[in-house]
Structure formats: C-alpha cells, structure tokens
Amino acid sequence: MATNRDLERLVAAGQFREDLFYRVRRHTVKIKPLSENIGAIPEIATAIIDRLCPEALRHNGVSPSLTDDDRDWLKRQAWPGNVRELEEVLELWLASGCTEQVEKLAANRHFGE
C-alpha cells in the first residue's frame, strides 16, 4: 500500500480505521515524491521499462532505452501522480512499440494539449 497521507493523524481524527492502520503499518518506507527527486527519474524509468517491457520489444534480452531527450523531458514533468503516473506514461510508450519519443506520445495522450 502506498499513500501520501498521514495515516496516524487520520486515525486520531476518526477518518481512517484503526484496525486497518495496524495491518498496513508493519513496515513504513518514506520516499520523496518524484518532484523532489528529479535526478532519480531516469533510473526509476529504466527499472519500470525493464519490468514492463514485453519480450517482443527486447533485443537480445535488453529492453529499449530512453533517449537523452526523453530523459530530459521526464525530468521536467511535475508528476503529481508520482511513480504511478510515470509508469502509466511508460506503459503507453511500450504499448506503442517505442517508435516515437516519449514526449510526443505522452504530451497528447496523457498530459493533454
């Protein structure tokens, strides 16, 4: 489970079930949002691509790579949806066969005009 909410505060305010809180808090990992960790975006993107890449797009077992322009574009985005949003954009790119730049594909299909 991942959240950007303070569950302890929500439990105290009666806005989150206490029993559920104790089930999900066994191991807490605090991670900076992508907007505060821009330098890690290319590495995170590569890991996502390696995990999601279909075998048909791999060449000798290697997943397709992002161009320098793609990496720069990814680092300029706000990513309010954090890693899930980045993953969605990369899924679109992989589903398209990686034939165009991530920016061109995602600018219209994901971020709008």
PDB file of N, CA and C in Angstrom:
ATOM      1  N   MET A   1       0.844  -1.174   0.000  1.00  0.00           N
ATOM      2  CA  MET A   1       0.000   0.000   0.000  1.00  0.00           C
ATOM      3  C   MET A   1       0.889   1.236   0.000  1.00  0.00           C
ATOM      4  N   ALA A   2       0.497   2.213  -0.728  1.00  0.00           N
ATOM      5  CA  ALA A   2       1.236   3.473  -0.763  1.00  0.00           C
ATOM      6  C   ALA A   2       0.262   4.627  -0.584  1.00  0.00           C
ATOM      7  N   THR A   3       0.702   5.624   0.160  1.00  0.00           N
ATOM      8  CA  THR A   3      -0.120   6.811   0.362  1.00  0.00           C
ATOM      9  C   THR A   3       0.779   7.992   0.695  1.00  0.00           C
ATOM     10  N   ASN A   4       0.260   9.166   0.417  1.00  0.00           N
ATOM     11  CA  ASN A   4       0.976  10.377   0.817  1.00  0.00           C
ATOM     12  C   ASN A   4       0.285  11.028   2.021  1.00  0.00           C
ATOM     13  N   ARG A   5      -0.634  10.312   2.617  1.00  0.00           N
ATOM     14  CA  ARG A   5      -1.388  10.836   3.761  1.00  0.00           C
ATOM     15  C   ARG A   5      -0.775  10.400   5.086  1.00  0.00           C
ATOM     16  N   ASP A   6      -0.996  11.191   6.104  1.00  0.00           N
ATOM     17  CA  ASP A   6      -0.536  10.870   7.453  1.00  0.00           C
ATOM     18  C   ASP A   6      -1.615  10.013   8.110  1.00  0.00           C
ATOM     19  N   LEU A   7      -1.459   8.701   7.987  1.00  0.00           N
ATOM     20  CA  LEU A   7      -2.499   7.790   8.469  1.00  0.00           C
ATOM     21  C   LEU A   7      -2.674   7.865   9.983  1.00  0.00           C
ATOM     22  N   GLU A   8      -1.597   8.079  10.718  1.00  0.00           N
ATOM     23  CA  GLU A   8      -1.703   8.187  12.175  1.00  0.00           C
ATOM     24  C   GLU A   8      -2.610   9.358  12.564  1.00  0.00           C
ATOM     25  N   ARG A   9      -2.437  10.477  11.882  1.00  0.00           N
ATOM     26  CA  ARG A   9      -3.279  11.655  12.138  1.00  0.00           C
ATOM     27  C   ARG A   9      -4.726  11.367  11.745  1.00  0.00           C
ATOM     28  N   LEU A  10      -4.916  10.653  10.630  1.00  0.00           N
ATOM     29  CA  LEU A  10      -6.268  10.333  10.180  1.00  0.00           C
ATOM     30  C   LEU A  10      -6.967   9.390  11.156  1.00  0.00           C
ATOM     31  N   VAL A  11      -6.226   8.441  11.736  1.00  0.00           N
ATOM     32  CA  VAL A  11      -6.801   7.552  12.752  1.00  0.00           C
ATOM     33  C   VAL A  11      -7.242   8.373  13.950  1.00  0.00           C
ATOM     34  N   ALA A  12      -6.367   9.274  14.403  1.00  0.00           N
ATOM     35  CA  ALA A  12      -6.694  10.107  15.570  1.00  0.00           C
ATOM     36  C   ALA A  12      -7.923  10.973  15.320  1.00  0.00           C
ATOM     37  N   ALA A  13      -8.107  11.381  14.064  1.00  0.00           N
ATOM     38  CA  ALA A  13      -9.255  12.222  13.709  1.00  0.00           C
ATOM     39  C   ALA A  13     -10.493  11.391  13.378  1.00  0.00           C
ATOM     40  N   GLY A  14     -10.373  10.062  13.446  1.00  0.00           N
ATOM     41  CA  GLY A  14     -11.515   9.195  13.142  1.00  0.00           C
ATOM     42  C   GLY A  14     -11.814   9.089  11.655  1.00  0.00           C
ATOM     43  N   GLN A  15     -10.840   9.399  10.825  1.00  0.00           N
ATOM     44  CA  GLN A  15     -11.050   9.377   9.373  1.00  0.00           C
ATOM     45  C   GLN A  15     -10.412   8.165   8.688  1.00  0.00           C
ATOM     46  N   PHE A  16      -9.751   7.300   9.470  1.00  0.00           N
ATOM     47  CA  PHE A  16      -9.171   6.072   8.930  1.00  0.00           C
ATOM     48  C   PHE A  16      -9.318   5.005  10.006  1.00  0.00           C
ATOM     49  N   ARG A  17      -9.708   3.813   9.590  1.00  0.00           N
ATOM     50  CA  ARG A  17      -9.952   2.739  10.556  1.00  0.00           C
ATOM     51  C   ARG A  17      -8.673   2.343  11.282  1.00  0.00           C
ATOM     52  N   GLU A  18      -8.736   2.308  12.602  1.00  0.00           N
ATOM     53  CA  GLU A  18      -7.566   1.981  13.415  1.00  0.00           C
ATOM     54  C   GLU A  18      -7.092   0.545  13.165  1.00  0.00           C
ATOM     55  N   ASP A  19      -8.022  -0.403  13.064  1.00  0.00           N
ATOM     56  CA  ASP A  19      -7.623  -1.789  12.835  1.00  0.00           C
ATOM     57  C   ASP A  19      -6.898  -1.951  11.495  1.00  0.00           C
ATOM     58  N   LEU A  20      -7.365  -1.226  10.492  1.00  0.00           N
ATOM     59  CA  LEU A  20      -6.709  -1.277   9.186  1.00  0.00           C
ATOM     60  C   LEU A  20      -5.330  -0.618   9.248  1.00  0.00           C
ATOM     61  N   PHE A  21      -5.223   0.454  10.000  1.00  0.00           N
ATOM     62  CA  PHE A  21      -3.943   1.131  10.179  1.00  0.00           C
ATOM     63  C   PHE A  21      -2.891   0.160  10.722  1.00  0.00           C
ATOM     64  N   TYR A  22      -3.256  -0.612  11.740  1.00  0.00           N
ATOM     65  CA  TYR A  22      -2.294  -1.540  12.342  1.00  0.00           C
ATOM     66  C   TYR A  22      -1.938  -2.684  11.390  1.00  0.00           C
ATOM     67  N   ARG A  23      -2.805  -2.998  10.453  1.00  0.00           N
ATOM     68  CA  ARG A  23      -2.492  -4.033   9.461  1.00  0.00           C
ATOM     69  C   ARG A  23      -1.499  -3.530   8.412  1.00  0.00           C
ATOM     70  N   VAL A  24      -1.615  -2.283   8.018  1.00  0.00           N
ATOM     71  CA  VAL A  24      -0.794  -1.775   6.905  1.00  0.00           C
ATOM     72  C   VAL A  24       0.488  -1.086   7.348  1.00  0.00           C
ATOM     73  N   ARG A  25       0.645  -0.789   8.596  1.00  0.00           N
ATOM     74  CA  ARG A  25       1.821  -0.026   9.010  1.00  0.00           C
ATOM     75  C   ARG A  25       3.004  -0.882   9.442  1.00  0.00           C
ATOM     76  N   ARG A  26       2.967  -2.147   9.171  1.00  0.00           N
ATOM     77  CA  ARG A  26       4.028  -3.045   9.631  1.00  0.00           C
ATOM     78  C   ARG A  26       5.402  -2.573   9.203  1.00  0.00           C
ATOM     79  N   HIS A  27       5.514  -2.092   8.008  1.00  0.00           N
ATOM     80  CA  HIS A  27       6.813  -1.629   7.505  1.00  0.00           C
ATOM     81  C   HIS A  27       6.573  -0.338   6.736  1.00  0.00           C
ATOM     82  N   THR A  28       7.058   0.758   7.255  1.00  0.00           N
ATOM     83  CA  THR A  28       6.849   2.054   6.638  1.00  0.00           C
ATOM     84  C   THR A  28       8.129   2.523   5.957  1.00  0.00           C
ATOM     85  N   VAL A  29       7.993   2.891   4.705  1.00  0.00           N
ATOM     86  CA  VAL A  29       9.116   3.432   3.945  1.00  0.00           C
ATOM     87  C   VAL A  29       8.692   4.804   3.452  1.00  0.00           C
ATOM     88  N   LYS A  30       9.434   5.809   3.834  1.00  0.00           N
ATOM     89  CA  LYS A  30       9.124   7.165   3.375  1.00  0.00           C
ATOM     90  C   LYS A  30      10.004   7.464   2.168  1.00  0.00           C
ATOM     91  N   ILE A  31       9.368   7.831   1.081  1.00  0.00           N
ATOM     92  CA  ILE A  31      10.069   8.119  -0.161  1.00  0.00           C
ATOM     93  C   ILE A  31       9.690   9.518  -0.611  1.00  0.00           C
ATOM     94  N   LYS A  32      10.685  10.266  -1.042  1.00  0.00           N
ATOM     95  CA  LYS A  32      10.409  11.606  -1.560  1.00  0.00           C
ATOM     96  C   LYS A  32       9.572  11.490  -2.838  1.00  0.00           C
ATOM     97  N   PRO A  33       8.684  12.450  -3.078  1.00  0.00           N
ATOM     98  CA  PRO A  33       7.961  12.450  -4.351  1.00  0.00           C
ATOM     99  C   PRO A  33       8.947  12.708  -5.497  1.00  0.00           C
ATOM    100  N   LEU A  34       8.576  12.286  -6.686  1.00  0.00           N
ATOM    101  CA  LEU A  34       9.452  12.480  -7.848  1.00  0.00           C
ATOM    102  C   LEU A  34       9.841  13.938  -8.031  1.00  0.00           C
ATOM    103  N   SER A  35       8.931  14.842  -7.724  1.00  0.00           N
ATOM    104  CA  SER A  35       9.220  16.268  -7.895  1.00  0.00           C
ATOM    105  C   SER A  35      10.371  16.736  -7.009  1.00  0.00           C
ATOM    106  N   GLU A  36      10.661  15.990  -5.952  1.00  0.00           N
ATOM    107  CA  GLU A  36      11.778  16.320  -5.067  1.00  0.00           C
ATOM    108  C   GLU A  36      12.981  15.403  -5.295  1.00  0.00           C
ATOM    109  N   ASN A  37      12.878  14.518  -6.265  1.00  0.00           N
ATOM    110  CA  ASN A  37      13.931  13.546  -6.520  1.00  0.00           C
ATOM    111  C   ASN A  37      14.159  13.419  -8.031  1.00  0.00           C
ATOM    112  N   ILE A  38      14.264  14.547  -8.695  1.00  0.00           N
ATOM    113  CA  ILE A  38      14.340  14.600 -10.152  1.00  0.00           C
ATOM    114  C   ILE A  38      15.493  13.773 -10.704  1.00  0.00           C
ATOM    115  N   GLY A  39      16.623  13.785 -10.039  1.00  0.00           N
ATOM    116  CA  GLY A  39      17.787  13.053 -10.532  1.00  0.00           C
ATOM    117  C   GLY A  39      17.578  11.555 -10.626  1.00  0.00           C
ATOM    118  N   ALA A  40      16.646  11.015  -9.863  1.00  0.00           N
ATOM    119  CA  ALA A  40      16.390   9.579  -9.872  1.00  0.00           C
ATOM    120  C   ALA A  40      15.400   9.156 -10.949  1.00  0.00           C
ATOM    121  N   ILE A  41      14.734  10.097 -11.583  1.00  0.00           N
ATOM    122  CA  ILE A  41      13.683   9.760 -12.549  1.00  0.00           C
ATOM    123  C   ILE A  41      14.194   8.865 -13.679  1.00  0.00           C
ATOM    124  N   PRO A  42      15.333   9.146 -14.324  1.00  0.00           N
ATOM    125  CA  PRO A  42      15.786   8.248 -15.394  1.00  0.00           C
ATOM    126  C   PRO A  42      16.033   6.810 -14.912  1.00  0.00           C
ATOM    127  N   GLU A  43      16.595   6.649 -13.731  1.00  0.00           N
ATOM    128  CA  GLU A  43      16.836   5.301 -13.201  1.00  0.00           C
ATOM    129  C   GLU A  43      15.530   4.594 -12.875  1.00  0.00           C
ATOM    130  N   ILE A  44      14.600   5.321 -12.301  1.00  0.00           N
ATOM    131  CA  ILE A  44      13.293   4.735 -11.990  1.00  0.00           C
ATOM    132  C   ILE A  44      12.595   4.348 -13.290  1.00  0.00           C
ATOM    133  N   ALA A  45      12.666   5.223 -14.291  1.00  0.00           N
ATOM    134  CA  ALA A  45      12.052   4.938 -15.591  1.00  0.00           C
ATOM    135  C   ALA A  45      12.654   3.683 -16.215  1.00  0.00           C
ATOM    136  N   THR A  46      13.961   3.547 -16.149  1.00  0.00           N
ATOM    137  CA  THR A  46      14.622   2.364 -16.707  1.00  0.00           C
ATOM    138  C   THR A  46      14.161   1.096 -16.001  1.00  0.00           C
ATOM    139  N   ALA A  47      14.041   1.156 -14.678  1.00  0.00           N
ATOM    140  CA  ALA A  47      13.570  -0.007 -13.918  1.00  0.00           C
ATOM    141  C   ALA A  47      12.133  -0.363 -14.306  1.00  0.00           C
ATOM    142  N   ILE A  48      11.294   0.643 -14.507  1.00  0.00           N
ATOM    143  CA  ILE A  48       9.904   0.398 -14.917  1.00  0.00           C
ATOM    144  C   ILE A  48       9.875  -0.241 -16.294  1.00  0.00           C
ATOM    145  N   ILE A  49      10.658   0.291 -17.210  1.00  0.00           N
ATOM    146  CA  ILE A  49      10.709  -0.260 -18.571  1.00  0.00           C
ATOM    147  C   ILE A  49      11.183  -1.710 -18.539  1.00  0.00           C
ATOM    148  N   ASP A  50      12.219  -1.994 -17.786  1.00  0.00           N
ATOM    149  CA  ASP A  50      12.728  -3.368 -17.689  1.00  0.00           C
ATOM    150  C   ASP A  50      11.662  -4.319 -17.146  1.00  0.00           C
ATOM    151  N   ARG A  51      10.875  -3.842 -16.189  1.00  0.00           N
ATOM    152  CA  ARG A  51       9.843  -4.688 -15.581  1.00  0.00           C
ATOM    153  C   ARG A  51       8.654  -4.910 -16.510  1.00  0.00           C
ATOM    154  N   LEU A  52       8.269  -3.864 -17.252  1.00  0.00           N
ATOM    155  CA  LEU A  52       7.041  -3.940 -18.055  1.00  0.00           C
ATOM    156  C   LEU A  52       7.255  -4.331 -19.513  1.00  0.00           C
ATOM    157  N   CYS A  53       8.481  -4.290 -19.982  1.00  0.00           N
ATOM    158  CA  CYS A  53       8.748  -4.483 -21.400  1.00  0.00           C
ATOM    159  C   CYS A  53       8.372  -5.889 -21.869  1.00  0.00           C
ATOM    160  N   PRO A  54       7.521  -5.975 -22.891  1.00  0.00           N
ATOM    161  CA  PRO A  54       7.191  -7.296 -23.425  1.00  0.00           C
ATOM    162  C   PRO A  54       8.405  -7.893 -24.143  1.00  0.00           C
ATOM    163  N   GLU A  55       8.465  -9.193 -24.155  1.00  0.00           N
ATOM    164  CA  GLU A  55       9.596  -9.900 -24.767  1.00  0.00           C
ATOM    165  C   GLU A  55       9.782  -9.503 -26.227  1.00  0.00           C
ATOM    166  N   ALA A  56       8.684  -9.217 -26.914  1.00  0.00           N
ATOM    167  CA  ALA A  56       8.760  -8.879 -28.342  1.00  0.00           C
ATOM    168  C   ALA A  56       9.537  -7.583 -28.602  1.00  0.00           C
ATOM    169  N   LEU A  57       9.633  -6.710 -27.619  1.00  0.00           N
ATOM    170  CA  LEU A  57      10.354  -5.450 -27.803  1.00  0.00           C
ATOM    171  C   LEU A  57      11.814  -5.534 -27.360  1.00  0.00           C
ATOM    172  N   ARG A  58      12.182  -6.634 -26.752  1.00  0.00           N
ATOM    173  CA  ARG A  58      13.560  -6.787 -26.281  1.00  0.00           C
ATOM    174  C   ARG A  58      14.453  -7.236 -27.430  1.00  0.00           C
ATOM    175  N   HIS A  59      15.660  -6.727 -27.451  1.00  0.00           N
ATOM    176  CA  HIS A  59      16.657  -7.126 -28.453  1.00  0.00           C
ATOM    177  C   HIS A  59      17.797  -7.794 -27.714  1.00  0.00           C
ATOM    178  N   ASN A  60      17.956  -9.095 -27.958  1.00  0.00           N
ATOM    179  CA  ASN A  60      18.958  -9.889 -27.232  1.00  0.00           C
ATOM    180  C   ASN A  60      18.770  -9.787 -25.723  1.00  0.00           C
ATOM    181  N   GLY A  61      17.514  -9.783 -25.298  1.00  0.00           N
ATOM    182  CA  GLY A  61      17.192  -9.740 -23.873  1.00  0.00           C
ATOM    183  C   GLY A  61      17.243  -8.362 -23.241  1.00  0.00           C
ATOM    184  N   VAL A  62      17.546  -7.316 -24.027  1.00  0.00           N
ATOM    185  CA  VAL A  62      17.687  -5.965 -23.493  1.00  0.00           C
ATOM    186  C   VAL A  62      16.460  -5.130 -23.861  1.00  0.00           C
ATOM    187  N   SER A  63      15.921  -4.442 -22.885  1.00  0.00           N
ATOM    188  CA  SER A  63      14.759  -3.573 -23.104  1.00  0.00           C
ATOM    189  C   SER A  63      15.158  -2.332 -23.889  1.00  0.00           C
ATOM    190  N   PRO A  64      14.202  -1.702 -24.582  1.00  0.00           N
ATOM    191  CA  PRO A  64      14.504  -0.444 -25.273  1.00  0.00           C
ATOM    192  C   PRO A  64      14.934   0.640 -24.285  1.00  0.00           C
ATOM    193  N   SER A  65      15.739   1.569 -24.772  1.00  0.00           N
ATOM    194  CA  SER A  65      16.255   2.635 -23.923  1.00  0.00           C
ATOM    195  C   SER A  65      15.597   3.959 -24.252  1.00  0.00           C
ATOM    196  N   LEU A  66      15.549   4.814 -23.267  1.00  0.00           N
ATOM    197  CA  LEU A  66      15.095   6.179 -23.473  1.00  0.00           C
ATOM    198  C   LEU A  66      16.229   6.996 -24.082  1.00  0.00           C
ATOM    199  N   THR A  67      15.862   7.956 -24.919  1.00  0.00           N
ATOM    200  CA  THR A  67      16.866   8.866 -25.461  1.00  0.00           C
ATOM    201  C   THR A  67      17.186   9.923 -24.411  1.00  0.00           C
ATOM    202  N   ASP A  68      18.256  10.665 -24.633  1.00  0.00           N
ATOM    203  CA  ASP A  68      18.587  11.767 -23.727  1.00  0.00           C
ATOM    204  C   ASP A  68      17.452  12.784 -23.680  1.00  0.00           C
ATOM    205  N   ASP A  69      16.837  13.051 -24.851  1.00  0.00           N
ATOM    206  CA  ASP A  69      15.700  13.980 -24.893  1.00  0.00           C
ATOM    207  C   ASP A  69      14.534  13.455 -24.055  1.00  0.00           C
ATOM    208  N   ASP A  70      14.274  12.133 -24.141  1.00  0.00           N
ATOM    209  CA  ASP A  70      13.203  11.535 -23.333  1.00  0.00           C
ATOM    210  C   ASP A  70      13.501  11.709 -21.847  1.00  0.00           C
ATOM    211  N   ARG A  71      14.725  11.420 -21.451  1.00  0.00           N
ATOM    212  CA  ARG A  71      15.102  11.546 -20.036  1.00  0.00           C
ATOM    213  C   ARG A  71      14.936  12.988 -19.552  1.00  0.00           C
ATOM    214  N   ASP A  72      15.385  13.931 -20.374  1.00  0.00           N
ATOM    215  CA  ASP A  72      15.253  15.350 -20.008  1.00  0.00           C
ATOM    216  C   ASP A  72      13.785  15.740 -19.880  1.00  0.00           C
ATOM    217  N   TRP A  73      12.965  15.287 -20.805  1.00  0.00           N
ATOM    218  CA  TRP A  73      11.537  15.600 -20.767  1.00  0.00           C
ATOM    219  C   TRP A  73      10.898  15.017 -19.508  1.00  0.00           C
ATOM    220  N   LEU A  74      11.223  13.767 -19.189  1.00  0.00           N
ATOM    221  CA  LEU A  74      10.663  13.142 -17.986  1.00  0.00           C
ATOM    222  C   LEU A  74      11.041  13.924 -16.736  1.00  0.00           C
ATOM    223  N   LYS A  75      12.258  14.438 -16.688  1.00  0.00           N
ATOM    224  CA  LYS A  75      12.709  15.192 -15.514  1.00  0.00           C
ATOM    225  C   LYS A  75      12.035  16.562 -15.410  1.00  0.00           C
ATOM    226  N   ARG A  76      11.508  17.074 -16.510  1.00  0.00           N
ATOM    227  CA  ARG A  76      10.842  18.391 -16.477  1.00  0.00           C
ATOM    228  C   ARG A  76       9.370  18.307 -16.070  1.00  0.00           C
ATOM    229  N   GLN A  77       8.815  17.118 -15.987  1.00  0.00           N
ATOM    230  CA  GLN A  77       7.393  16.972 -15.661  1.00  0.00           C
ATOM    231  C   GLN A  77       7.173  17.068 -14.154  1.00  0.00           C
ATOM    232  N   ALA A  78       5.992  17.516 -13.762  1.00  0.00           N
ATOM    233  CA  ALA A  78       5.668  17.696 -12.337  1.00  0.00           C
ATOM    234  C   ALA A  78       5.363  16.365 -11.641  1.00  0.00           C
ATOM    235  N   TRP A  79       4.804  15.397 -12.339  1.00  0.00           N
ATOM    236  CA  TRP A  79       4.439  14.083 -11.805  1.00  0.00           C
ATOM    237  C   TRP A  79       3.595  14.158 -10.536  1.00  0.00           C
ATOM    238  N   PRO A  80       2.432  14.823 -10.589  1.00  0.00           N
ATOM    239  CA  PRO A  80       1.593  14.864  -9.391  1.00  0.00           C
ATOM    240  C   PRO A  80       1.107  13.475  -8.974  1.00  0.00           C
ATOM    241  N   GLY A  81       1.054  12.544  -9.912  1.00  0.00           N
ATOM    242  CA  GLY A  81       0.652  11.172  -9.592  1.00  0.00           C
ATOM    243  C   GLY A  81       1.828  10.304  -9.186  1.00  0.00           C
ATOM    244  N   ASN A  82       3.000  10.915  -9.078  1.00  0.00           N
ATOM    245  CA  ASN A  82       4.228  10.273  -8.628  1.00  0.00           C
ATOM    246  C   ASN A  82       4.589   9.083  -9.521  1.00  0.00           C
ATOM    247  N   VAL A  83       5.130   8.019  -8.959  1.00  0.00           N
ATOM    248  CA  VAL A  83       5.655   6.899  -9.755  1.00  0.00           C
ATOM    249  C   VAL A  83       4.548   6.222 -10.556  1.00  0.00           C
ATOM    250  N   ARG A  84       3.339   6.169 -10.028  1.00  0.00           N
ATOM    251  CA  ARG A  84       2.243   5.541 -10.774  1.00  0.00           C
ATOM    252  C   ARG A  84       1.981   6.283 -12.086  1.00  0.00           C
ATOM    253  N   GLU A  85       2.073   7.597 -12.058  1.00  0.00           N
ATOM    254  CA  GLU A  85       1.861   8.380 -13.268  1.00  0.00           C
ATOM    255  C   GLU A  85       3.013   8.169 -14.255  1.00  0.00           C
ATOM    256  N   LEU A  86       4.235   8.156 -13.771  1.00  0.00           N
ATOM    257  CA  LEU A  86       5.391   7.875 -14.617  1.00  0.00           C
ATOM    258  C   LEU A  86       5.241   6.498 -15.257  1.00  0.00           C
ATOM    259  N   GLU A  87       4.829   5.529 -14.482  1.00  0.00           N
ATOM    260  CA  GLU A  87       4.635   4.178 -15.004  1.00  0.00           C
ATOM    261  C   GLU A  87       3.583   4.152 -16.104  1.00  0.00           C
ATOM    262  N   GLU A  88       2.504   4.901 -15.920  1.00  0.00           N
ATOM    263  CA  GLU A  88       1.447   4.952 -16.930  1.00  0.00           C
ATOM    264  C   GLU A  88       1.980   5.498 -18.254  1.00  0.00           C
ATOM    265  N   VAL A  89       2.774   6.553 -18.186  1.00  0.00           N
ATOM    266  CA  VAL A  89       3.350   7.145 -19.395  1.00  0.00           C
ATOM    267  C   VAL A  89       4.273   6.142 -20.091  1.00  0.00           C
ATOM    268  N   LEU A  90       5.072   5.451 -19.314  1.00  0.00           N
ATOM    269  CA  LEU A  90       5.989   4.478 -19.905  1.00  0.00           C
ATOM    270  C   LEU A  90       5.248   3.264 -20.461  1.00  0.00           C
ATOM    271  N   GLU A  91       4.139   2.891 -19.842  1.00  0.00           N
ATOM    272  CA  GLU A  91       3.293   1.827 -20.398  1.00  0.00           C
ATOM    273  C   GLU A  91       2.750   2.226 -21.764  1.00  0.00           C
ATOM    274  N   LEU A  92       2.315   3.478 -21.889  1.00  0.00           N
ATOM    275  CA  LEU A  92       1.851   3.970 -23.194  1.00  0.00           C
ATOM    276  C   LEU A  92       2.956   3.863 -24.237  1.00  0.00           C
ATOM    277  N   TRP A  93       4.163   4.257 -23.854  1.00  0.00           N
ATOM    278  CA  TRP A  93       5.303   4.221 -24.765  1.00  0.00           C
ATOM    279  C   TRP A  93       5.617   2.788 -25.185  1.00  0.00           C
ATOM    280  N   LEU A  94       5.625   1.876 -24.231  1.00  0.00           N
ATOM    281  CA  LEU A  94       5.889   0.473 -24.556  1.00  0.00           C
ATOM    282  C   LEU A  94       4.770  -0.106 -25.422  1.00  0.00           C
ATOM    283  N   ALA A  95       3.527   0.228 -25.108  1.00  0.00           N
ATOM    284  CA  ALA A  95       2.397  -0.281 -25.890  1.00  0.00           C
ATOM    285  C   ALA A  95       2.421   0.228 -27.325  1.00  0.00           C
ATOM    286  N   SER A  96       3.022   1.393 -27.531  1.00  0.00           N
ATOM    287  CA  SER A  96       3.113   1.947 -28.890  1.00  0.00           C
ATOM    288  C   SER A  96       4.268   1.329 -29.678  1.00  0.00           C
ATOM    289  N   GLY A  97       5.051   0.476 -29.025  1.00  0.00           N
ATOM    290  CA  GLY A  97       6.181  -0.142 -29.695  1.00  0.00           C
ATOM    291  C   GLY A  97       7.456   0.669 -29.599  1.00  0.00           C
ATOM    292  N   CYS A  98       7.446   1.710 -28.787  1.00  0.00           N
ATOM    293  CA  CYS A  98       8.631   2.563 -28.561  1.00  0.00           C
ATOM    294  C   CYS A  98       9.114   3.207 -29.853  1.00  0.00           C
ATOM    295  N   THR A  99       8.190   3.501 -30.755  1.00  0.00           N
ATOM    296  CA  THR A  99       8.576   4.028 -32.062  1.00  0.00           C
ATOM    297  C   THR A  99       8.716   5.540 -32.099  1.00  0.00           C
ATOM    298  N   GLU A 100       8.189   6.228 -31.120  1.00  0.00           N
ATOM    299  CA  GLU A 100       8.339   7.679 -31.097  1.00  0.00           C
ATOM    300  C   GLU A 100       8.823   8.127 -29.730  1.00  0.00           C
ATOM    301  N   GLN A 101       9.205   9.396 -29.654  1.00  0.00           N
ATOM    302  CA  GLN A 101       9.687   9.925 -28.384  1.00  0.00           C
ATOM    303  C   GLN A 101       8.575   9.880 -27.340  1.00  0.00           C
ATOM    304  N   VAL A 102       8.971   9.655 -26.111  1.00  0.00           N
ATOM    305  CA  VAL A 102       8.005   9.617 -25.005  1.00  0.00           C
ATOM    306  C   VAL A 102       7.225  10.924 -24.957  1.00  0.00           C
ATOM    307  N   GLU A 103       7.912  12.037 -25.132  1.00  0.00           N
ATOM    308  CA  GLU A 103       7.247  13.346 -25.062  1.00  0.00           C
ATOM    309  C   GLU A 103       6.123  13.455 -26.080  1.00  0.00           C
ATOM    310  N   LYS A 104       6.382  13.078 -27.327  1.00  0.00           N
ATOM    311  CA  LYS A 104       5.355  13.200 -28.369  1.00  0.00           C
ATOM    312  C   LYS A 104       4.164  12.306 -28.081  1.00  0.00           C
ATOM    313  N   LEU A 105       4.414  11.109 -27.618  1.00  0.00           N
ATOM    314  CA  LEU A 105       3.329  10.195 -27.313  1.00  0.00           C
ATOM    315  C   LEU A 105       2.540  10.670 -26.102  1.00  0.00           C
ATOM    316  N   ALA A 106       3.229  10.985 -25.038  1.00  0.00           N
ATOM    317  CA  ALA A 106       2.567  11.313 -23.784  1.00  0.00           C
ATOM    318  C   ALA A 106       1.968  12.710 -23.762  1.00  0.00           C
ATOM    319  N   ALA A 107       2.545  13.631 -24.503  1.00  0.00           N
ATOM    320  CA  ALA A 107       2.055  15.014 -24.465  1.00  0.00           C
ATOM    321  C   ALA A 107       0.587  15.091 -24.845  1.00  0.00           C
ATOM    322  N   ASN A 108       0.189  14.342 -25.846  1.00  0.00           N
ATOM    323  CA  ASN A 108      -1.214  14.371 -26.284  1.00  0.00           C
ATOM    324  C   ASN A 108      -2.081  13.355 -25.565  1.00  0.00           C
ATOM    325  N   ARG A 109      -1.587  12.165 -25.387  1.00  0.00           N
ATOM    326  CA  ARG A 109      -2.413  11.090 -24.833  1.00  0.00           C
ATOM    327  C   ARG A 109      -2.526  11.148 -23.322  1.00  0.00           C
ATOM    328  N   HIS A 110      -1.512  11.662 -22.648  1.00  0.00           N
ATOM    329  CA  HIS A 110      -1.529  11.635 -21.187  1.00  0.00           C
ATOM    330  C   HIS A 110      -1.730  13.020 -20.576  1.00  0.00           C
ATOM    331  N   PHE A 111      -0.955  13.988 -21.041  1.00  0.00           N
ATOM    332  CA  PHE A 111      -0.984  15.304 -20.433  1.00  0.00           C
ATOM    333  C   PHE A 111      -1.925  16.271 -21.137  1.00  0.00           C
ATOM    334  N   GLY A 112      -2.503  15.880 -22.243  1.00  0.00           N
ATOM    335  CA  GLY A 112      -3.406  16.772 -22.980  1.00  0.00           C
ATOM    336  C   GLY A 112      -2.620  17.687 -23.881  1.00  0.00           C
ATOM    337  N   GLU A 113      -3.295  18.662 -24.434  1.00  0.00           N
ATOM    338  CA  GLU A 113      -2.655  19.546 -25.428  1.00  0.00           C
ATOM    339  C   GLU A 113      -1.552  20.358 -24.835  1.00  0.00           C
TER     340      GLU A 113
END
